[in-house]
Amino acid sequence: MSLFKLSGVLTIRAINGSRGTFNVGRLITPIGDFAVKSPAIEEYEPGKYEGEFGVSRIYPSHYFAHGRLVVEVRADVASIALASIADLPTEDQAPMEEQDPASEKLTPPAPAATPVEPQTPVAADAESAVEARAPAGGVASAIPAEKSFQDLFGELWPLQDRVKLDPTVDRMQFRAQRDALKEMGYRFQPLGQVWEKA
């Protein structure tokens, strides 16, 4: 995958959706502003991240949400090299209505698109394990039953003191891994892009 690098500021917000918490971003660069819905930002806490961003593509996208049509230009961010981190300003902390990227219907981009792989059994097991523990409110607890940690983390299991997740796995599995690490006492280190045991 070829990347081009853009310097700018990425503002990340956390949205509480029906399938749990997900992140959305806005990347402000010298060539324009872009919506970011890439799995690569799911690990980050809400805030403003300045640095250099490896972008695999920029493309138009649209979706329907709460009776409105949203049209936006998106950037797929594949790598992040941070220079500074700041808290999210108060004006950016108001609740937002956004569609969960995991709920969007996958359609191939322009002609050179590759087909979408069907969901692997590991990802399906991880999602069902998390959904099985969902409380009445509908938001799932991150930690699945003990026996499914191996299915959830795959080759990463058993976990070390430092864990680097792979954002190319199924998005729901990636979120389940992220949430499980949080509940197990790991903290995400944005500069190194690794999870460390507290």
N, C-alpha and C. Protein backbone atom coordinates (compact mmCIF):
# COMPACT_ATOMS: atom_id res chain seq x y z
N MET A 1 0.85 -1.17 0.00
CA MET A 1 0.00 0.00 0.00
C MET A 1 0.89 1.23 0.00
N SER A 2 0.69 2.12 -0.95
CA SER A 2 1.48 3.35 -0.99
C SER A 2 0.78 4.43 -0.18
N LEU A 3 1.59 5.17 0.57
CA LEU A 3 1.07 6.24 1.43
C LEU A 3 1.68 7.56 1.00
N PHE A 4 0.91 8.63 1.15
CA PHE A 4 1.51 9.95 1.05
C PHE A 4 1.33 10.61 2.40
N LYS A 5 2.30 11.45 2.77
CA LYS A 5 2.32 12.01 4.11
C LYS A 5 1.78 13.43 4.11
N LEU A 6 0.95 13.71 5.11
CA LEU A 6 0.39 15.03 5.31
C LEU A 6 0.68 15.49 6.73
N SER A 7 1.16 16.70 6.87
CA SER A 7 1.32 17.29 8.20
C SER A 7 0.01 17.98 8.56
N GLY A 8 -0.35 17.91 9.84
CA GLY A 8 -1.59 18.55 10.24
C GLY A 8 -1.97 18.24 11.66
N VAL A 9 -3.22 18.52 11.99
CA VAL A 9 -3.76 18.28 13.32
C VAL A 9 -4.98 17.38 13.18
N LEU A 10 -4.98 16.29 13.93
CA LEU A 10 -6.09 15.35 13.93
C LEU A 10 -6.85 15.50 15.24
N THR A 11 -8.11 15.90 15.15
CA THR A 11 -8.97 16.00 16.33
C THR A 11 -9.81 14.73 16.40
N ILE A 12 -9.69 14.01 17.52
CA ILE A 12 -10.41 12.74 17.69
C ILE A 12 -11.48 12.90 18.75
N ARG A 13 -12.68 12.43 18.43
CA ARG A 13 -13.81 12.44 19.37
C ARG A 13 -14.33 11.04 19.55
N ALA A 14 -14.80 10.72 20.75
CA ALA A 14 -15.40 9.42 21.04
C ALA A 14 -16.92 9.57 20.97
N ILE A 15 -17.56 8.63 20.28
CA ILE A 15 -19.02 8.63 20.12
C ILE A 15 -19.57 7.36 20.75
N ASN A 16 -20.61 7.49 21.56
CA ASN A 16 -21.27 6.31 22.14
C ASN A 16 -22.38 5.88 21.19
N GLY A 17 -22.19 4.72 20.58
CA GLY A 17 -23.16 4.19 19.63
C GLY A 17 -23.83 2.94 20.16
N SER A 18 -24.72 2.39 19.37
CA SER A 18 -25.46 1.19 19.79
C SER A 18 -24.56 -0.03 19.88
N ARG A 19 -23.40 0.00 19.21
CA ARG A 19 -22.46 -1.12 19.26
C ARG A 19 -21.25 -0.80 20.13
N GLY A 20 -21.36 0.20 20.99
CA GLY A 20 -20.26 0.57 21.87
C GLY A 20 -19.63 1.88 21.43
N THR A 21 -18.52 2.22 22.05
CA THR A 21 -17.84 3.48 21.77
C THR A 21 -16.96 3.34 20.53
N PHE A 22 -17.01 4.36 19.67
CA PHE A 22 -16.13 4.39 18.51
C PHE A 22 -15.59 5.80 18.34
N ASN A 23 -14.48 5.91 17.63
CA ASN A 23 -13.83 7.20 17.43
C ASN A 23 -14.04 7.70 16.01
N VAL A 24 -14.17 9.02 15.90
CA VAL A 24 -14.18 9.69 14.60
C VAL A 24 -13.18 10.84 14.70
N GLY A 25 -12.65 11.23 13.56
CA GLY A 25 -11.65 12.30 13.58
C GLY A 25 -11.86 13.31 12.48
N ARG A 26 -11.22 14.44 12.63
CA ARG A 26 -11.18 15.49 11.62
C ARG A 26 -9.72 15.86 11.47
N LEU A 27 -9.19 15.64 10.25
CA LEU A 27 -7.78 15.93 9.96
C LEU A 27 -7.71 17.25 9.21
N ILE A 28 -7.04 18.23 9.82
CA ILE A 28 -6.89 19.55 9.22
C ILE A 28 -5.46 19.67 8.69
N THR A 29 -5.33 19.87 7.38
CA THR A 29 -4.02 19.91 6.73
C THR A 29 -3.95 21.13 5.82
N PRO A 30 -2.75 21.45 5.31
CA PRO A 30 -2.64 22.59 4.38
C PRO A 30 -3.43 22.40 3.09
N ILE A 31 -3.74 21.15 2.70
CA ILE A 31 -4.47 20.94 1.44
C ILE A 31 -5.98 20.77 1.65
N GLY A 32 -6.44 20.77 2.90
CA GLY A 32 -7.87 20.65 3.16
C GLY A 32 -8.17 19.93 4.46
N ASP A 33 -9.46 19.89 4.79
CA ASP A 33 -9.94 19.20 5.99
C ASP A 33 -10.63 17.92 5.56
N PHE A 34 -10.40 16.84 6.34
CA PHE A 34 -10.93 15.54 5.96
C PHE A 34 -11.52 14.83 7.17
N ALA A 35 -12.62 14.10 6.94
CA ALA A 35 -13.17 13.22 7.97
C ALA A 35 -12.29 11.98 8.03
N VAL A 36 -12.06 11.48 9.24
CA VAL A 36 -11.25 10.27 9.41
C VAL A 36 -12.08 9.25 10.18
N LYS A 37 -12.31 8.11 9.56
CA LYS A 37 -13.07 7.02 10.19
C LYS A 37 -12.24 5.74 10.20
N SER A 38 -10.93 5.85 10.02
CA SER A 38 -10.03 4.70 9.92
C SER A 38 -9.95 3.94 11.24
N PRO A 39 -9.81 2.61 11.17
CA PRO A 39 -9.61 1.83 12.41
C PRO A 39 -8.37 2.28 13.19
N ALA A 40 -7.39 2.86 12.50
CA ALA A 40 -6.14 3.26 13.16
C ALA A 40 -6.36 4.24 14.30
N ILE A 41 -7.49 4.98 14.33
CA ILE A 41 -7.70 5.96 15.39
C ILE A 41 -8.54 5.41 16.55
N GLU A 42 -8.98 4.16 16.46
CA GLU A 42 -9.85 3.60 17.49
C GLU A 42 -9.18 3.49 18.87
N GLU A 43 -7.85 3.40 18.91
CA GLU A 43 -7.15 3.23 20.18
C GLU A 43 -6.96 4.55 20.93
N TYR A 44 -7.02 5.66 20.23
CA TYR A 44 -6.66 6.95 20.81
C TYR A 44 -7.76 7.52 21.69
N GLU A 45 -7.36 8.23 22.72
CA GLU A 45 -8.29 8.97 23.57
C GLU A 45 -8.70 10.24 22.83
N PRO A 46 -9.88 10.80 23.13
CA PRO A 46 -10.25 12.08 22.51
C PRO A 46 -9.18 13.13 22.79
N GLY A 47 -8.89 13.93 21.78
CA GLY A 47 -7.87 14.97 21.93
C GLY A 47 -7.45 15.51 20.58
N LYS A 48 -6.45 16.40 20.62
CA LYS A 48 -5.90 16.99 19.40
C LYS A 48 -4.47 16.46 19.26
N TYR A 49 -4.21 15.86 18.11
CA TYR A 49 -2.92 15.22 17.84
C TYR A 49 -2.28 15.89 16.63
N GLU A 50 -1.13 16.52 16.88
CA GLU A 50 -0.41 17.17 15.79
C GLU A 50 0.74 16.29 15.36
N GLY A 51 0.96 16.20 14.06
CA GLY A 51 2.05 15.38 13.57
C GLY A 51 1.98 15.16 12.07
N GLU A 52 2.53 14.01 11.67
CA GLU A 52 2.54 13.64 10.26
C GLU A 52 1.72 12.37 10.10
N PHE A 53 0.85 12.37 9.10
CA PHE A 53 -0.10 11.28 8.93
C PHE A 53 0.09 10.63 7.57
N GLY A 54 0.24 9.30 7.58
CA GLY A 54 0.35 8.55 6.33
C GLY A 54 -1.05 8.23 5.84
N VAL A 55 -1.41 8.78 4.69
CA VAL A 55 -2.76 8.63 4.15
C VAL A 55 -2.71 7.72 2.93
N SER A 56 -3.57 6.69 2.92
CA SER A 56 -3.59 5.75 1.80
C SER A 56 -4.51 6.22 0.68
N ARG A 57 -5.57 6.96 1.02
CA ARG A 57 -6.44 7.52 -0.02
C ARG A 57 -7.32 8.61 0.55
N ILE A 58 -7.77 9.48 -0.34
CA ILE A 58 -8.75 10.52 -0.03
C ILE A 58 -9.90 10.31 -1.01
N TYR A 59 -11.13 10.30 -0.49
CA TYR A 59 -12.27 9.96 -1.34
C TYR A 59 -13.56 10.54 -0.78
N PRO A 60 -14.55 10.76 -1.64
CA PRO A 60 -15.85 11.24 -1.15
C PRO A 60 -16.65 10.08 -0.55
N SER A 61 -17.45 10.39 0.45
CA SER A 61 -18.29 9.37 1.07
C SER A 61 -19.59 10.02 1.53
N HIS A 62 -20.61 9.18 1.72
CA HIS A 62 -21.88 9.70 2.23
C HIS A 62 -22.59 8.60 3.01
N TYR A 63 -23.47 9.02 3.89
CA TYR A 63 -24.29 8.09 4.65
C TYR A 63 -25.53 8.84 5.16
N PHE A 64 -26.55 8.06 5.51
CA PHE A 64 -27.76 8.62 6.09
C PHE A 64 -27.70 8.46 7.59
N ALA A 65 -28.00 9.51 8.32
CA ALA A 65 -27.99 9.45 9.79
C ALA A 65 -29.07 10.37 10.33
N HIS A 66 -29.99 9.79 11.09
CA HIS A 66 -31.02 10.56 11.80
C HIS A 66 -31.79 11.49 10.86
N GLY A 67 -32.20 10.94 9.70
CA GLY A 67 -33.02 11.70 8.77
C GLY A 67 -32.28 12.71 7.93
N ARG A 68 -30.98 12.62 7.87
CA ARG A 68 -30.23 13.57 7.06
C ARG A 68 -29.17 12.82 6.24
N LEU A 69 -28.81 13.39 5.13
CA LEU A 69 -27.76 12.85 4.28
C LEU A 69 -26.48 13.60 4.60
N VAL A 70 -25.44 12.86 4.97
CA VAL A 70 -24.15 13.47 5.30
C VAL A 70 -23.18 13.14 4.16
N VAL A 71 -22.61 14.17 3.55
CA VAL A 71 -21.61 14.01 2.50
C VAL A 71 -20.31 14.58 3.05
N GLU A 72 -19.23 13.81 2.92
CA GLU A 72 -17.95 14.26 3.46
C GLU A 72 -16.80 13.73 2.61
N VAL A 73 -15.66 14.37 2.72
CA VAL A 73 -14.44 13.90 2.07
C VAL A 73 -13.61 13.23 3.16
N ARG A 74 -13.30 11.96 2.95
CA ARG A 74 -12.58 11.19 3.96
C ARG A 74 -11.13 10.96 3.57
N ALA A 75 -10.31 10.81 4.59
CA ALA A 75 -8.92 10.40 4.42
C ALA A 75 -8.73 9.11 5.21
N ASP A 76 -8.21 8.08 4.56
CA ASP A 76 -7.87 6.84 5.26
C ASP A 76 -6.46 6.98 5.83
N VAL A 77 -6.38 7.13 7.15
CA VAL A 77 -5.10 7.29 7.82
C VAL A 77 -4.57 5.91 8.20
N ALA A 78 -3.38 5.58 7.69
CA ALA A 78 -2.79 4.27 7.94
C ALA A 78 -1.63 4.33 8.92
N SER A 79 -0.98 5.50 9.05
CA SER A 79 0.12 5.63 10.01
C SER A 79 0.10 7.02 10.62
N ILE A 80 0.60 7.10 11.85
CA ILE A 80 0.59 8.35 12.60
C ILE A 80 1.93 8.53 13.29
N ALA A 81 2.58 9.68 13.05
CA ALA A 81 3.82 10.04 13.75
C ALA A 81 3.54 11.36 14.46
N LEU A 82 3.43 11.31 15.79
CA LEU A 82 2.98 12.47 16.56
C LEU A 82 4.11 13.39 16.97
N ALA A 83 3.81 14.69 16.96
CA ALA A 83 4.74 15.71 17.45
C ALA A 83 4.25 16.27 18.78
N SER A 84 2.91 16.39 18.94
CA SER A 84 2.36 16.90 20.20
C SER A 84 0.93 16.41 20.38
N ILE A 85 0.49 16.43 21.65
CA ILE A 85 -0.84 15.98 22.02
C ILE A 85 -1.45 17.03 22.94
N ALA A 86 -2.71 17.36 22.72
CA ALA A 86 -3.42 18.32 23.57
C ALA A 86 -4.81 17.78 23.88
N ASP A 87 -5.40 18.26 24.98
CA ASP A 87 -6.76 17.86 25.33
C ASP A 87 -7.73 18.42 24.31
N LEU A 88 -8.88 17.78 24.25
CA LEU A 88 -9.94 18.23 23.35
C LEU A 88 -10.53 19.53 23.91
N PRO A 89 -10.61 20.60 23.10
CA PRO A 89 -11.20 21.85 23.58
C PRO A 89 -12.66 21.65 23.98
N THR A 90 -13.13 22.45 24.92
CA THR A 90 -14.49 22.33 25.43
C THR A 90 -15.54 22.40 24.32
N GLU A 91 -15.32 23.29 23.34
CA GLU A 91 -16.31 23.43 22.26
C GLU A 91 -16.42 22.17 21.39
N ASP A 92 -15.40 21.31 21.42
CA ASP A 92 -15.43 20.08 20.64
C ASP A 92 -15.92 18.88 21.45
N GLN A 93 -16.35 19.10 22.70
CA GLN A 93 -16.78 17.98 23.54
C GLN A 93 -18.28 17.76 23.55
N ALA A 94 -19.03 18.61 22.85
CA ALA A 94 -20.48 18.45 22.79
C ALA A 94 -20.82 17.15 22.08
N PRO A 95 -21.93 16.49 22.47
CA PRO A 95 -22.31 15.24 21.81
C PRO A 95 -22.56 15.44 20.32
N MET A 96 -22.20 14.43 19.54
CA MET A 96 -22.39 14.46 18.09
C MET A 96 -23.19 13.25 17.66
N GLU A 97 -23.89 13.39 16.56
CA GLU A 97 -24.56 12.25 15.95
C GLU A 97 -23.74 11.82 14.76
N GLU A 98 -23.18 10.62 14.82
CA GLU A 98 -22.36 10.07 13.75
C GLU A 98 -22.75 8.63 13.54
N GLN A 99 -22.66 8.17 12.31
CA GLN A 99 -22.89 6.76 12.04
C GLN A 99 -21.62 5.99 12.38
N ASP A 100 -21.79 4.85 13.03
CA ASP A 100 -20.67 3.99 13.36
C ASP A 100 -20.09 3.45 12.06
N PRO A 101 -18.79 3.66 11.81
CA PRO A 101 -18.20 3.14 10.57
C PRO A 101 -18.36 1.62 10.43
N ALA A 102 -18.47 0.90 11.54
CA ALA A 102 -18.65 -0.54 11.47
C ALA A 102 -20.03 -0.90 10.92
N SER A 103 -20.97 0.04 10.96
CA SER A 103 -22.33 -0.21 10.48
C SER A 103 -22.53 0.16 9.02
N GLU A 104 -21.55 0.85 8.45
CA GLU A 104 -21.70 1.30 7.07
C GLU A 104 -21.63 0.13 6.12
N LYS A 105 -22.44 0.23 5.09
CA LYS A 105 -22.42 -0.81 4.05
C LYS A 105 -21.12 -0.65 3.27
N LEU A 106 -20.36 -1.73 3.17
CA LEU A 106 -19.09 -1.66 2.47
C LEU A 106 -19.31 -1.69 0.97
N THR A 107 -18.87 -0.65 0.28
CA THR A 107 -18.93 -0.64 -1.17
C THR A 107 -17.53 -0.41 -1.68
N PRO A 108 -17.13 -1.12 -2.76
CA PRO A 108 -15.77 -0.95 -3.23
C PRO A 108 -15.54 0.44 -3.80
N PRO A 109 -14.34 1.03 -3.54
CA PRO A 109 -14.04 2.31 -4.15
C PRO A 109 -13.82 2.14 -5.65
N ALA A 110 -13.39 3.13 -6.33
CA ALA A 110 -13.16 3.14 -7.77
C ALA A 110 -12.59 1.84 -8.32
N PRO A 111 -12.34 1.73 -9.62
CA PRO A 111 -12.03 0.49 -10.31
C PRO A 111 -10.99 -0.43 -9.69
N ALA A 112 -9.96 0.09 -9.05
CA ALA A 112 -8.88 -0.77 -8.58
C ALA A 112 -9.16 -1.40 -7.23
N ALA A 113 -10.41 -1.43 -6.81
CA ALA A 113 -10.75 -1.93 -5.49
C ALA A 113 -10.56 -3.45 -5.40
N THR A 114 -10.21 -3.89 -4.20
CA THR A 114 -10.12 -5.33 -3.94
C THR A 114 -11.38 -5.75 -3.21
N PRO A 115 -11.84 -6.99 -3.43
CA PRO A 115 -13.07 -7.42 -2.77
C PRO A 115 -12.90 -7.48 -1.26
N VAL A 116 -13.99 -7.25 -0.54
CA VAL A 116 -13.97 -7.31 0.91
C VAL A 116 -13.98 -8.77 1.33
N GLU A 117 -13.06 -9.13 2.22
CA GLU A 117 -12.98 -10.50 2.72
C GLU A 117 -14.15 -10.76 3.65
N PRO A 118 -14.72 -11.98 3.62
CA PRO A 118 -15.76 -12.30 4.59
C PRO A 118 -15.18 -12.30 6.00
N GLN A 119 -16.02 -12.07 6.99
CA GLN A 119 -15.57 -12.02 8.37
C GLN A 119 -15.00 -13.38 8.78
N THR A 120 -13.82 -13.36 9.40
CA THR A 120 -13.19 -14.61 9.80
C THR A 120 -13.88 -15.17 11.03
N PRO A 121 -13.76 -16.49 11.25
CA PRO A 121 -14.38 -17.07 12.43
C PRO A 121 -13.87 -16.45 13.72
N VAL A 122 -12.56 -16.09 13.76
CA VAL A 122 -12.02 -15.49 14.99
C VAL A 122 -12.74 -14.20 15.29
N ALA A 123 -12.92 -13.34 14.27
CA ALA A 123 -13.60 -12.05 14.49
C ALA A 123 -15.05 -12.28 14.90
N ALA A 124 -15.69 -13.24 14.25
CA ALA A 124 -17.09 -13.52 14.59
C ALA A 124 -17.20 -14.01 16.03
N ASP A 125 -16.27 -14.90 16.45
CA ASP A 125 -16.29 -15.39 17.83
C ASP A 125 -16.06 -14.26 18.82
N ALA A 126 -15.13 -13.35 18.48
CA ALA A 126 -14.83 -12.24 19.39
C ALA A 126 -16.04 -11.33 19.54
N GLU A 127 -16.70 -11.03 18.41
CA GLU A 127 -17.86 -10.14 18.48
C GLU A 127 -18.99 -10.79 19.25
N SER A 128 -19.24 -12.08 19.01
CA SER A 128 -20.35 -12.73 19.71
C SER A 128 -20.04 -12.88 21.19
N ALA A 129 -18.75 -13.09 21.53
CA ALA A 129 -18.39 -13.20 22.95
C ALA A 129 -18.63 -11.88 23.67
N VAL A 130 -18.30 -10.78 22.99
CA VAL A 130 -18.50 -9.47 23.60
C VAL A 130 -19.99 -9.16 23.69
N GLU A 131 -20.74 -9.44 22.59
CA GLU A 131 -22.17 -9.14 22.60
C GLU A 131 -22.91 -9.98 23.63
N ALA A 132 -22.41 -11.18 23.92
CA ALA A 132 -23.07 -12.05 24.89
C ALA A 132 -23.05 -11.45 26.29
N ARG A 133 -22.08 -10.55 26.55
CA ARG A 133 -21.98 -9.96 27.87
C ARG A 133 -22.57 -8.56 27.91
N ALA A 134 -23.32 -8.18 26.89
CA ALA A 134 -23.89 -6.82 26.84
C ALA A 134 -24.92 -6.64 27.93
N PRO A 135 -24.83 -5.55 28.69
CA PRO A 135 -25.85 -5.26 29.70
C PRO A 135 -27.13 -4.79 29.04
N ALA A 136 -28.16 -4.57 29.84
CA ALA A 136 -29.47 -4.19 29.32
C ALA A 136 -29.41 -2.93 28.47
N GLY A 137 -28.48 -2.02 28.76
CA GLY A 137 -28.36 -0.77 28.00
C GLY A 137 -27.87 -0.98 26.59
N GLY A 138 -27.32 -2.15 26.28
CA GLY A 138 -26.91 -2.45 24.92
C GLY A 138 -25.43 -2.29 24.66
N VAL A 139 -24.66 -1.62 25.53
CA VAL A 139 -23.24 -1.47 25.31
C VAL A 139 -22.53 -2.66 25.93
N ALA A 140 -21.70 -3.33 25.13
CA ALA A 140 -21.07 -4.56 25.57
C ALA A 140 -19.92 -4.30 26.54
N SER A 141 -19.74 -5.22 27.48
CA SER A 141 -18.56 -5.21 28.33
C SER A 141 -17.40 -5.69 27.47
N ALA A 142 -16.22 -5.12 27.68
CA ALA A 142 -15.10 -5.42 26.79
C ALA A 142 -14.55 -6.82 26.97
N ILE A 143 -14.56 -7.35 28.18
CA ILE A 143 -13.88 -8.61 28.41
C ILE A 143 -14.82 -9.78 28.18
N PRO A 144 -14.48 -10.64 27.21
CA PRO A 144 -15.29 -11.81 26.95
C PRO A 144 -15.00 -12.88 28.00
N ALA A 145 -15.68 -14.01 27.89
CA ALA A 145 -15.42 -15.13 28.78
C ALA A 145 -13.95 -15.51 28.68
N GLU A 146 -13.38 -15.98 29.80
CA GLU A 146 -11.95 -16.27 29.88
C GLU A 146 -11.45 -17.16 28.73
N LYS A 147 -12.25 -18.17 28.37
CA LYS A 147 -11.81 -19.11 27.35
C LYS A 147 -11.69 -18.46 25.97
N SER A 148 -12.31 -17.30 25.77
CA SER A 148 -12.23 -16.71 24.44
C SER A 148 -11.16 -15.63 24.29
N PHE A 149 -10.32 -15.43 25.32
CA PHE A 149 -9.20 -14.51 25.16
C PHE A 149 -8.29 -14.95 24.02
N GLN A 150 -8.06 -16.24 23.91
CA GLN A 150 -7.22 -16.77 22.83
C GLN A 150 -7.83 -16.42 21.48
N ASP A 151 -9.17 -16.57 21.36
CA ASP A 151 -9.84 -16.22 20.10
C ASP A 151 -9.79 -14.72 19.85
N LEU A 152 -9.96 -13.94 20.90
CA LEU A 152 -9.99 -12.48 20.76
C LEU A 152 -8.63 -11.93 20.32
N PHE A 153 -7.55 -12.40 20.97
CA PHE A 153 -6.23 -11.83 20.71
C PHE A 153 -5.38 -12.64 19.75
N GLY A 154 -5.77 -13.88 19.46
CA GLY A 154 -5.03 -14.69 18.49
C GLY A 154 -3.58 -14.84 18.86
N GLU A 155 -2.67 -14.49 17.95
CA GLU A 155 -1.23 -14.67 18.15
C GLU A 155 -0.67 -13.81 19.28
N LEU A 156 -1.39 -12.78 19.67
CA LEU A 156 -0.92 -11.91 20.76
C LEU A 156 -1.07 -12.57 22.13
N TRP A 157 -1.89 -13.62 22.22
CA TRP A 157 -2.16 -14.28 23.49
C TRP A 157 -1.12 -15.36 23.76
N PRO A 158 -0.56 -15.50 24.96
CA PRO A 158 -0.80 -14.66 26.14
C PRO A 158 -0.14 -13.29 25.98
N LEU A 159 -0.77 -12.30 26.58
CA LEU A 159 -0.32 -10.92 26.43
C LEU A 159 0.96 -10.65 27.19
N GLN A 160 1.82 -9.82 26.61
CA GLN A 160 3.04 -9.37 27.27
C GLN A 160 2.74 -8.04 27.98
N ASP A 161 3.76 -7.43 28.59
CA ASP A 161 3.58 -6.14 29.26
C ASP A 161 3.37 -5.01 28.25
N ARG A 162 3.87 -5.20 27.02
CA ARG A 162 3.67 -4.23 25.93
C ARG A 162 2.97 -4.95 24.79
N VAL A 163 1.86 -4.39 24.32
CA VAL A 163 1.06 -5.03 23.27
C VAL A 163 0.81 -4.02 22.15
N LYS A 164 1.07 -4.43 20.91
CA LYS A 164 0.75 -3.58 19.75
C LYS A 164 -0.35 -4.29 18.97
N LEU A 165 -1.51 -3.63 18.88
CA LEU A 165 -2.64 -4.21 18.16
C LEU A 165 -2.51 -3.97 16.66
N ASP A 166 -3.17 -4.83 15.90
CA ASP A 166 -3.16 -4.73 14.45
C ASP A 166 -4.50 -4.15 13.98
N PRO A 167 -4.52 -2.87 13.52
CA PRO A 167 -5.79 -2.26 13.14
C PRO A 167 -6.38 -2.80 11.84
N THR A 168 -5.69 -3.74 11.18
CA THR A 168 -6.22 -4.29 9.93
C THR A 168 -7.16 -5.47 10.19
N VAL A 169 -7.30 -5.91 11.46
CA VAL A 169 -8.26 -6.98 11.74
C VAL A 169 -9.67 -6.41 11.67
N ASP A 170 -10.67 -7.26 11.77
CA ASP A 170 -12.06 -6.81 11.76
C ASP A 170 -12.25 -5.69 12.78
N ARG A 171 -12.97 -4.63 12.38
CA ARG A 171 -13.11 -3.43 13.22
C ARG A 171 -13.73 -3.75 14.58
N MET A 172 -14.75 -4.62 14.63
CA MET A 172 -15.37 -4.94 15.91
C MET A 172 -14.43 -5.76 16.79
N GLN A 173 -13.63 -6.63 16.19
CA GLN A 173 -12.65 -7.38 16.96
C GLN A 173 -11.59 -6.43 17.52
N PHE A 174 -11.17 -5.46 16.69
CA PHE A 174 -10.17 -4.49 17.12
C PHE A 174 -10.68 -3.69 18.32
N ARG A 175 -11.95 -3.26 18.27
CA ARG A 175 -12.53 -2.53 19.40
C ARG A 175 -12.62 -3.41 20.63
N ALA A 176 -12.99 -4.67 20.44
CA ALA A 176 -13.09 -5.59 21.58
C ALA A 176 -11.71 -5.79 22.21
N GLN A 177 -10.66 -5.88 21.39
CA GLN A 177 -9.30 -5.99 21.92
C GLN A 177 -8.94 -4.74 22.71
N ARG A 178 -9.22 -3.57 22.14
CA ARG A 178 -8.94 -2.30 22.80
C ARG A 178 -9.64 -2.22 24.16
N ASP A 179 -10.94 -2.53 24.19
CA ASP A 179 -11.71 -2.42 25.42
C ASP A 179 -11.26 -3.45 26.46
N ALA A 180 -10.89 -4.64 26.01
CA ALA A 180 -10.40 -5.67 26.93
C ALA A 180 -9.08 -5.23 27.56
N LEU A 181 -8.20 -4.65 26.77
CA LEU A 181 -6.93 -4.17 27.31
C LEU A 181 -7.15 -3.09 28.37
N LYS A 182 -8.10 -2.19 28.11
CA LYS A 182 -8.41 -1.14 29.10
C LYS A 182 -8.86 -1.77 30.41
N GLU A 183 -9.77 -2.74 30.31
CA GLU A 183 -10.30 -3.37 31.53
C GLU A 183 -9.25 -4.19 32.26
N MET A 184 -8.22 -4.65 31.53
CA MET A 184 -7.15 -5.43 32.16
C MET A 184 -6.04 -4.54 32.71
N GLY A 185 -6.22 -3.23 32.64
CA GLY A 185 -5.25 -2.32 33.25
C GLY A 185 -4.16 -1.84 32.32
N TYR A 186 -4.30 -2.06 31.03
CA TYR A 186 -3.31 -1.54 30.08
C TYR A 186 -3.67 -0.10 29.75
N ARG A 187 -2.63 0.69 29.40
CA ARG A 187 -2.86 2.07 28.96
C ARG A 187 -2.20 2.27 27.61
N PHE A 188 -2.92 2.96 26.72
CA PHE A 188 -2.40 3.21 25.39
C PHE A 188 -1.42 4.37 25.43
N GLN A 189 -0.24 4.17 24.83
CA GLN A 189 0.79 5.21 24.74
C GLN A 189 0.80 5.72 23.30
N PRO A 190 0.20 6.90 23.04
CA PRO A 190 0.06 7.38 21.66
C PRO A 190 1.39 7.56 20.93
N LEU A 191 2.43 8.02 21.63
CA LEU A 191 3.69 8.28 20.94
C LEU A 191 4.33 7.00 20.43
N GLY A 192 4.23 5.92 21.21
CA GLY A 192 4.79 4.64 20.76
C GLY A 192 3.77 3.76 20.07
N GLN A 193 2.47 4.13 20.17
CA GLN A 193 1.37 3.39 19.61
C GLN A 193 1.35 1.94 20.11
N VAL A 194 1.60 1.80 21.42
CA VAL A 194 1.56 0.48 22.06
C VAL A 194 0.75 0.59 23.34
N TRP A 195 0.24 -0.55 23.78
CA TRP A 195 -0.45 -0.65 25.07
C TRP A 195 0.54 -1.17 26.09
N GLU A 196 0.60 -0.52 27.26
CA GLU A 196 1.52 -0.94 28.32
C GLU A 196 0.74 -1.26 29.58
N LYS A 197 1.18 -2.33 30.25
CA LYS A 197 0.55 -2.75 31.51
C LYS A 197 0.87 -1.70 32.55
N ALA A 198 -0.17 -1.22 33.24
CA ALA A 198 0.04 -0.18 34.26
C ALA A 198 0.79 -0.77 35.44
